[in-house]
Amino acid sequence: MHLLFVRLNELRESWEWFLEEFANCILEITSLSIMSDRNPSILAAVRTVFPKIHHRYCMVHLAKNLVHDVRSRAGVGFFWGSARATSLHSFNEYVEDVGSSSVKL
């Protein structure tokens, strides 16, 4: 497993340049996933340079967005519980708990 962290400016062109250079370095890798914070520039650049890869989203950033957008710490608790669920049954229990609670998501 290889891990790389990069922080560039928010421009799509910068991310496309970086990802193209990165692609030139990893010619031998047949399976690739990219994780990001859902920045629109990164999303667009990944679709352009790596249209067939798995693109995942950082749970920490999603949780921060949830706190900012919903302003609910309880909602974040439900979010992390469902994110860490190890079975479909456990995940569905969190979804049901959210539906039956007063937490607004």
Protein backbone atom coordinates (compact mmCIF):
# COMPACT_ATOMS: atom_id res chain seq x y z
CA MET A 1 0.00 0.00 0.00
CA HIS A 2 1.26 3.45 -0.88
CA LEU A 3 0.12 6.65 0.77
CA LEU A 4 0.65 10.17 -0.47
CA PHE A 5 -0.56 13.50 0.87
CA VAL A 6 -0.42 16.62 -1.27
CA ARG A 7 -1.79 20.10 -0.77
CA LEU A 8 -1.99 22.36 -3.80
CA ASN A 9 -3.94 25.50 -4.52
CA GLU A 10 -7.61 25.09 -5.38
CA LEU A 11 -7.22 25.35 -9.16
CA ARG A 12 -8.30 22.43 -11.32
CA GLU A 13 -5.33 22.98 -13.62
CA SER A 14 -2.91 22.54 -10.72
CA TRP A 15 -4.54 19.28 -9.71
CA GLU A 16 -4.62 18.00 -13.29
CA TRP A 17 -0.92 18.77 -13.68
CA PHE A 18 -0.09 17.01 -10.41
CA LEU A 19 -2.23 13.96 -11.19
CA GLU A 20 -0.74 13.64 -14.68
CA GLU A 21 2.77 13.73 -13.19
CA PHE A 22 1.70 11.22 -10.56
CA ALA A 23 0.24 8.95 -13.28
CA ASN A 24 3.60 8.98 -15.06
CA CYS A 25 5.26 7.69 -11.88
CA ILE A 26 2.87 4.83 -11.19
CA LEU A 27 2.67 3.08 -14.54
CA GLU A 28 3.04 -0.34 -12.90
CA ILE A 29 0.18 0.10 -10.43
CA THR A 30 -2.96 -1.66 -11.66
CA SER A 31 -5.32 -0.77 -8.82
CA LEU A 32 -5.63 2.76 -7.50
CA SER A 33 -7.89 4.65 -5.12
CA ILE A 34 -7.74 8.36 -4.42
CA MET A 35 -9.15 9.91 -1.26
CA SER A 36 -10.00 13.60 -1.10
CA ASP A 37 -12.07 16.18 0.71
CA ARG A 38 -14.56 16.52 -2.21
CA ASN A 39 -12.99 19.76 -3.40
CA PRO A 40 -14.60 20.51 -6.80
CA SER A 41 -11.21 21.08 -8.46
CA ILE A 42 -9.90 17.73 -7.24
CA LEU A 43 -13.10 15.92 -8.27
CA ALA A 44 -12.90 17.33 -11.80
CA ALA A 45 -9.17 16.64 -12.16
CA VAL A 46 -9.53 13.04 -10.96
CA ARG A 47 -12.37 12.43 -13.44
CA THR A 48 -10.18 13.81 -16.23
CA VAL A 49 -6.88 12.08 -15.42
CA PHE A 50 -8.12 8.85 -13.80
CA PRO A 51 -11.66 8.29 -15.13
CA LYS A 52 -11.79 4.62 -14.04
CA ILE A 53 -10.31 4.72 -10.54
CA HIS A 54 -12.05 4.51 -7.19
CA HIS A 55 -12.43 7.97 -5.68
CA ARG A 56 -13.21 7.98 -1.97
CA TYR A 57 -14.06 10.81 0.40
CA CYS A 58 -12.32 11.58 3.67
CA MET A 59 -14.65 10.82 6.58
CA VAL A 60 -13.06 13.53 8.74
CA HIS A 61 -13.88 16.17 6.13
CA LEU A 62 -17.42 14.82 5.72
CA ALA A 63 -17.93 14.99 9.50
CA LYS A 64 -16.62 18.57 9.62
CA ASN A 65 -19.00 19.52 6.82
CA LEU A 66 -21.85 17.90 8.72
CA VAL A 67 -21.06 19.93 11.85
CA HIS A 68 -20.83 23.11 9.77
CA ASP A 69 -23.94 22.49 7.65
CA VAL A 70 -26.23 20.86 10.20
CA ARG A 71 -24.74 22.28 13.41
CA SER A 72 -25.52 19.05 15.22
CA ARG A 73 -22.98 17.18 17.31
CA ALA A 74 -25.52 14.38 17.80
CA GLY A 75 -25.78 14.09 14.02
CA VAL A 76 -22.02 13.67 13.83
CA GLY A 77 -22.28 10.86 16.38
CA PHE A 78 -24.79 9.06 14.18
CA PHE A 79 -22.56 9.71 11.16
CA TRP A 80 -19.46 8.17 12.79
CA GLY A 81 -21.47 5.26 14.14
CA SER A 82 -22.82 4.41 10.72
CA ALA A 83 -19.42 5.00 9.07
CA ARG A 84 -17.78 2.53 11.45
CA ALA A 85 -20.52 -0.08 11.20
CA THR A 86 -19.05 -3.48 10.45
CA SER A 87 -22.22 -5.02 9.05
CA LEU A 88 -25.24 -3.98 7.05
CA HIS A 89 -27.43 -4.79 10.06
CA SER A 90 -25.41 -2.46 12.31
CA PHE A 91 -25.47 0.29 9.68
CA ASN A 92 -29.25 -0.04 9.31
CA GLU A 93 -29.64 0.28 13.09
CA TYR A 94 -27.89 3.67 12.96
CA VAL A 95 -30.09 4.77 10.08
CA GLU A 96 -33.20 3.74 12.03
CA ASP A 97 -31.93 5.57 15.12
CA VAL A 98 -31.50 8.77 13.11
CA GLY A 99 -35.00 8.38 11.69
CA SER A 100 -36.55 7.95 15.13
CA SER A 101 -34.54 10.69 16.87
CA SER A 102 -35.02 14.43 17.03
CA VAL A 103 -31.66 14.95 15.32
CA LYS A 104 -32.06 16.89 12.10
CA LEU A 105 -29.73 15.79 9.32
